[in-house]
Protein backbone atom coordinates (compact mmCIF):
# COMPACT_ATOMS: atom_id res chain seq x y z
CA MET A 1 0.06 0.27 -0.01
CA LYS A 2 1.19 3.06 -0.69
CA PHE A 3 1.75 6.23 2.05
CA LEU A 4 1.47 9.87 0.94
CA GLN A 5 2.83 12.70 3.31
CA MET A 6 0.55 15.60 2.74
CA ALA A 7 2.58 19.17 2.76
CA ASP A 8 2.11 22.51 4.71
CA PRO A 9 1.79 25.53 2.98
CA VAL A 10 5.21 26.42 3.90
CA ARG A 11 7.12 23.17 2.20
CA TYR A 12 3.98 23.59 -0.28
CA ALA A 13 5.42 27.16 -1.94
CA ARG A 14 8.83 25.83 -2.73
CA MET A 15 7.54 22.72 -3.69
CA THR A 16 8.14 22.21 -8.31
CA SER A 17 5.36 20.16 -10.38
CA ALA A 18 7.20 17.23 -9.56
CA GLU A 19 7.30 17.55 -5.91
CA LEU A 20 3.80 18.54 -6.43
CA ARG A 21 2.27 15.35 -8.19
CA GLU A 22 4.37 13.14 -5.77
CA THR A 23 2.91 14.08 -2.74
CA PHE A 24 -0.87 15.11 -4.13
CA LEU A 25 -1.46 12.98 -7.37
CA LEU A 26 -1.99 9.25 -8.00
CA GLU A 27 -1.65 8.18 -11.19
CA ASP A 28 -1.42 4.55 -10.99
CA LEU A 29 -4.77 3.14 -9.88
CA PHE A 30 -6.64 1.24 -11.38
CA THR A 31 -4.65 -1.71 -12.61
CA PRO A 32 -7.01 -4.87 -14.34
CA GLY A 33 -7.03 -7.19 -12.67
CA ARG A 34 -6.50 -6.10 -9.04
CA ILE A 35 -6.54 -3.86 -5.99
CA ASP A 36 -4.45 -0.76 -5.44
CA LEU A 37 -4.11 1.11 -2.25
CA ALA A 38 -2.81 4.23 -0.88
CA TYR A 39 -3.21 6.08 2.65
CA ALA A 40 -3.02 9.28 3.71
CA ASP A 41 -2.04 10.58 6.42
CA LEU A 42 -4.77 13.92 5.77
CA ASP A 43 -7.61 12.51 7.78
CA ARG A 44 -5.88 9.30 7.42
CA ALA A 45 -7.25 8.45 3.99
CA VAL A 46 -7.28 5.30 2.48
CA ILE A 47 -8.19 5.65 -2.39
CA GLY A 48 -7.83 3.24 -3.49
CA SER A 49 -9.27 1.03 -6.98
CA ALA A 50 -10.34 -2.96 -8.18
CA VAL A 51 -10.48 -4.13 -11.44
CA PRO A 52 -11.61 -7.50 -10.75
CA THR A 53 -11.43 -9.76 -15.08
CA THR A 54 -11.60 -13.07 -15.07
CA SER A 55 -11.97 -13.92 -11.21
CA ALA A 56 -12.79 -12.39 -7.60
CA LEU A 57 -11.05 -9.67 -5.80
CA THR A 58 -11.13 -9.29 -2.03
CA LEU A 59 -9.84 -6.43 -0.27
CA GLU A 60 -7.91 -7.48 2.26
CA THR A 61 -6.63 -5.92 5.63
CA GLN A 62 -2.97 -4.60 4.83
CA PRO A 63 0.15 -4.23 7.66
CA GLU A 64 -0.12 -1.05 7.80
CA LEU A 65 -3.77 -1.01 9.25
CA ARG A 66 -2.61 -2.86 12.35
CA ALA A 67 -6.28 -4.13 11.69
CA GLU A 68 -7.46 -7.76 11.70
CA TYR A 69 -9.74 -7.21 8.42
CA PHE A 70 -9.89 -3.95 6.32
CA LEU A 71 -12.81 -2.22 7.94
CA GLU A 72 -12.44 -3.31 11.59
CA ARG A 73 -11.90 0.31 12.32
CA ARG A 74 -13.22 1.61 8.63
CA GLU A 75 -16.18 2.61 6.62
CA LEU A 76 -15.65 2.42 2.20
CA GLY A 77 -17.65 4.66 -0.03
CA VAL A 78 -17.26 2.34 -3.58
CA LEU A 79 -18.17 4.35 -6.99
CA ASN A 80 -18.17 2.39 -10.03
CA THR A 81 -17.45 4.06 -13.14
CA GLY A 82 -16.91 1.33 -15.62
CA GLY A 83 -19.09 -1.83 -16.95
CA ALA A 84 -21.20 -4.43 -14.80
CA GLY A 85 -20.15 -5.34 -11.58
CA SER A 86 -21.30 -7.06 -8.17
CA VAL A 87 -19.22 -6.19 -4.85
CA THR A 88 -20.22 -8.87 -1.98
CA VAL A 89 -19.99 -8.06 1.47
CA ASP A 90 -20.61 -10.93 4.30
CA GLY A 91 -22.87 -12.36 1.87
CA VAL A 92 -24.75 -9.93 1.02
CA THR A 93 -24.05 -9.51 -3.34
CA PHE A 94 -25.19 -5.60 -4.58
CA ASP A 95 -25.22 -5.24 -7.74
CA LEU A 96 -23.28 -1.56 -9.31
CA GLU A 97 -24.16 -0.57 -12.87
CA LYS A 98 -22.10 2.48 -13.84
CA LEU A 99 -22.21 5.52 -11.24
CA ASP A 100 -24.22 3.68 -8.72
CA CYS A 101 -22.60 3.85 -5.15
CA LEU A 102 -22.71 2.09 -2.48
CA TYR A 103 -21.76 1.98 1.73
CA VAL A 104 -19.72 -0.18 3.20
CA GLY A 105 -20.32 -0.06 7.05
CA ARG A 106 -17.47 -0.73 9.96
CA GLY A 107 -17.38 -4.16 11.24
CA SER A 108 -18.29 -5.81 7.66
CA LYS A 109 -15.49 -8.18 7.33
CA SER A 110 -15.97 -10.21 3.71
CA ILE A 111 -15.57 -7.95 0.98
CA THR A 112 -15.18 -9.24 -2.45
CA PHE A 113 -15.48 -7.60 -5.86
CA THR A 114 -16.76 -9.16 -9.69
CA SER A 115 -16.75 -7.69 -12.63
CA LYS A 116 -19.80 -9.05 -15.46
CA SER A 117 -17.93 -9.56 -17.61
CA ALA A 118 -14.35 -9.37 -18.47
CA SER A 119 -13.76 -7.70 -21.49
CA THR A 120 -15.80 -4.84 -20.20
CA PRO A 121 -15.10 -4.43 -16.33
CA ALA A 122 -16.05 -2.50 -13.97
CA THR A 123 -14.02 -0.25 -12.21
CA PHE A 124 -14.35 0.19 -8.96
CA TYR A 125 -13.74 3.16 -6.71
CA LEU A 126 -13.01 2.99 -3.57
CA LEU A 127 -12.31 5.88 -0.43
CA SER A 128 -12.04 4.83 3.21
CA TYR A 129 -11.95 6.30 6.57
CA LEU A 130 -11.77 5.83 9.44
CA ALA A 131 -15.03 4.86 11.63
CA HIS A 132 -15.88 5.33 15.50
CA LYS A 133 -19.53 4.03 14.90
CA GLU A 134 -21.26 1.32 12.67
CA TYR A 135 -24.34 2.43 9.90
CA PRO A 136 -25.79 -0.61 7.56
CA THR A 137 -24.34 -0.88 4.90
CA LYS A 138 -26.30 0.89 1.65
CA MET A 139 -26.59 1.03 -2.28
CA VAL A 140 -27.96 4.00 -4.09
CA LYS A 141 -28.64 3.32 -8.07
CA PHE A 142 -27.93 6.12 -10.34
CA ALA A 143 -31.21 5.97 -11.53
CA ASP A 144 -32.79 7.41 -7.85
CA LEU A 145 -29.72 9.99 -7.40
CA LYS A 146 -31.73 13.36 -6.77
CA GLY A 147 -29.10 16.38 -9.45
CA LEU A 148 -29.20 19.60 -8.14
CA GLU A 149 -28.12 21.95 -11.53
CA LEU A 150 -25.89 24.43 -10.80
CA GLY A 151 -24.10 26.64 -13.00
CA SER A 152 -24.56 28.20 -16.36
CA LEU A 153 -23.33 27.99 -20.07
CA GLU A 154 -22.65 31.45 -19.82
CA THR A 155 -19.82 31.00 -17.55
CA CYS A 156 -18.37 27.35 -18.62
CA ASN A 157 -19.77 25.35 -15.62
CA LYS A 158 -23.11 23.84 -15.86
CA ARG A 159 -23.43 20.92 -13.76
CA THR A 160 -25.23 18.35 -12.40
CA ILE A 161 -24.18 17.53 -8.71
CA TYR A 162 -25.10 13.76 -7.14
CA LYS A 163 -24.96 13.19 -3.88
CA ALA A 164 -24.98 9.57 -2.48
CA ILE A 165 -23.23 8.98 1.28
CA TYR A 166 -24.13 12.24 2.61
CA ARG A 167 -25.75 13.67 6.37
CA ASP A 168 -29.90 13.73 4.29
CA GLY A 169 -28.78 10.17 2.35
CA ILE A 170 -27.25 6.97 2.62
CA GLN A 171 -25.22 7.83 6.39
CA SER A 172 -22.12 7.35 7.63
CA CYS A 173 -19.88 8.18 10.43
CA GLN A 174 -17.65 10.47 8.80
CA LEU A 175 -17.34 9.73 4.94
CA VAL A 176 -19.62 12.05 2.66
CA MET A 177 -18.85 11.09 -1.19
CA GLY A 178 -20.86 11.80 -4.72
CA PHE A 179 -19.44 12.94 -8.02
CA THR A 180 -20.33 15.47 -10.23
CA LEU A 181 -21.13 15.60 -14.17
CA LEU A 182 -20.57 18.84 -16.27
CA ALA A 183 -22.51 19.75 -19.15
CA PRO A 184 -20.95 19.72 -22.76
CA GLY A 185 -19.48 23.22 -23.84
CA SER A 186 -18.70 23.25 -19.72
CA ASN A 187 -15.77 22.70 -18.48
CA TRP A 188 -15.29 24.18 -14.73
CA ASN A 189 -16.15 22.32 -11.90
CA THR A 190 -16.27 24.20 -8.31
CA LEU A 191 -16.53 28.12 -8.34
CA PRO A 192 -16.41 29.60 -6.47
CA SER A 193 -13.69 28.39 -4.97
CA HIS A 194 -13.23 27.62 -1.56
CA THR A 195 -11.36 26.05 1.45
CA HIS A 196 -12.81 23.97 4.26
CA ASN A 197 -10.06 23.39 7.34
CA ARG A 198 -12.71 21.27 9.00
CA ARG A 199 -12.60 18.48 6.23
CA SER A 200 -10.25 17.40 3.80
CA GLU A 201 -11.14 16.36 0.58
CA ILE A 202 -9.92 13.85 -2.58
CA TYR A 203 -11.07 13.80 -5.84
CA PHE A 204 -11.92 11.42 -8.84
CA TYR A 205 -11.65 12.61 -12.19
CA PHE A 206 -13.04 10.20 -14.88
CA ASP A 207 -14.69 10.18 -18.00
CA VAL A 208 -11.57 11.88 -19.27
CA GLU A 209 -11.38 11.42 -22.84
CA PRO A 210 -7.61 10.33 -23.79
CA ASP A 211 -6.73 13.67 -25.09
CA GLN A 212 -8.32 16.23 -23.08
CA PHE A 213 -6.50 16.56 -19.94
CA VAL A 214 -7.63 18.46 -16.23
CA ALA A 215 -6.16 21.53 -14.10
CA HIS A 216 -6.88 21.12 -10.83
CA LEU A 217 -5.55 24.60 -9.16
CA MET A 218 -4.62 24.04 -5.68
CA GLY A 219 -2.95 25.98 -3.09
CA PRO A 220 -3.53 29.06 -0.81
CA ALA A 221 -5.72 31.21 -2.61
CA ASP A 222 -3.09 34.06 -3.03
CA ALA A 223 -0.46 31.33 -4.27
CA THR A 224 -1.84 28.61 -6.02
CA SER A 225 -0.44 25.98 -8.22
CA HIS A 226 -1.48 23.28 -10.69
CA ILE A 227 -1.94 19.69 -11.69
CA ILE A 228 -2.26 18.15 -15.03
CA LEU A 229 -4.30 15.65 -14.54
CA HIS A 230 -5.80 12.94 -16.97
CA ASP A 231 -8.30 9.80 -16.93
CA LYS A 232 -8.91 8.02 -13.61
CA GLN A 233 -6.36 9.66 -11.07
CA VAL A 234 -7.32 11.83 -8.20
CA VAL A 235 -5.63 14.44 -6.51
CA LEU A 236 -5.57 15.24 -2.54
CA SER A 237 -6.73 18.50 -1.21
CA PRO A 238 -5.94 18.93 2.59
CA GLY A 239 -7.81 21.67 4.31
CA TRP A 240 -5.97 24.71 3.50
CA SER A 241 -6.25 24.50 -0.37
CA ILE A 242 -8.59 25.93 -2.85
CA HIS A 243 -9.43 22.76 -5.12
CA SER A 244 -11.35 24.30 -8.67
CA GLY A 245 -10.54 22.12 -11.64
CA VAL A 246 -11.01 23.47 -15.30
CA GLY A 247 -10.44 20.03 -18.41
CA SER A 248 -10.48 21.02 -21.80
CA LYS A 249 -13.24 19.40 -22.18
CA ASN A 250 -16.49 18.63 -19.96
CA TYR A 251 -15.65 15.43 -17.37
CA THR A 252 -16.97 13.32 -14.80
CA PHE A 253 -15.67 13.47 -10.67
CA CYS A 254 -16.10 11.92 -7.93
CA TRP A 255 -15.63 13.87 -4.85
CA GLY A 256 -15.11 12.23 -1.16
CA MET A 257 -14.86 14.45 2.16
CA GLY A 258 -13.48 12.86 6.03
CA GLY A 259 -13.00 15.36 9.24
CA GLU A 260 -15.03 17.49 11.59
CA ASN A 261 -18.63 17.38 9.84
CA GLN A 262 -20.58 15.77 7.47
CA ALA A 263 -21.76 19.61 6.62
CA TYR A 264 -21.91 19.36 2.24
CA ASP A 265 -22.31 23.21 2.58
CA ASP A 266 -20.34 24.25 5.03
CA MET A 267 -16.70 25.67 3.11
CA ASP A 268 -14.87 29.17 3.39
CA GLY A 269 -15.58 31.29 -0.28
CA ILE A 270 -12.99 32.76 -1.77
CA PRO A 271 -14.01 35.44 -4.52
CA MET A 272 -12.68 34.93 -7.66
CA ARG A 273 -10.77 38.71 -7.66
CA GLU A 274 -8.72 37.43 -4.88
CA LEU A 275 -6.94 34.22 -6.13
CA ARG A 276 -3.57 34.83 -7.32
């Protein structure tokens, strides 16, 4: 399991593009036929992927967790971004199509992933935080989510936000998770920019076409930097950093948070004229 140690704003100010990428970016997930995991000291998050092909994949505990099983002290969010697949939790099977989301509660011991077709496998994105209370394992289908439309074509950020694991949806201990679809002709997400020191946030960019990219903006409002991302890559955002992105074409991204609270609108807005 890869280990990511976050930088503070002081170290961040001196980092090169290569150092920013090494510290905040995960670009080697979603390997066919295996589970990939990374542990971040940012709110003790574990970020990962499972791409089952010809056989099932089992989520095993890792030595770094010092746990008998992976979710002994954790909860897990799973978003399918590929072909049809299934997740079996302690003998109960959940069938996930693209953009279906599953929450797996603390204490679940056996978790396996399968694809309906090896040629078009499921690509499961995994996000896990510590949990101090057990909540039921539950799935929500994309068709059952109510989208929240924000932005406009005039400002290049017409988008629909889908909340899956949150205070008024699937209940969790601290994990908040959903995704945003940008409309054709729109490419900006999360404007106006903001921070929330009470929660870290992790962005997973997907459905980025092979010859396109996303420029993810990060850092304090008066000293921003950017990281170029391509399809199925993940960027981590500490509480002191903004997290806005602009793509060369519309795309989709999954946002996940953990920390002090689960209030989706708890943010400290930054006027765009103050960005540097």
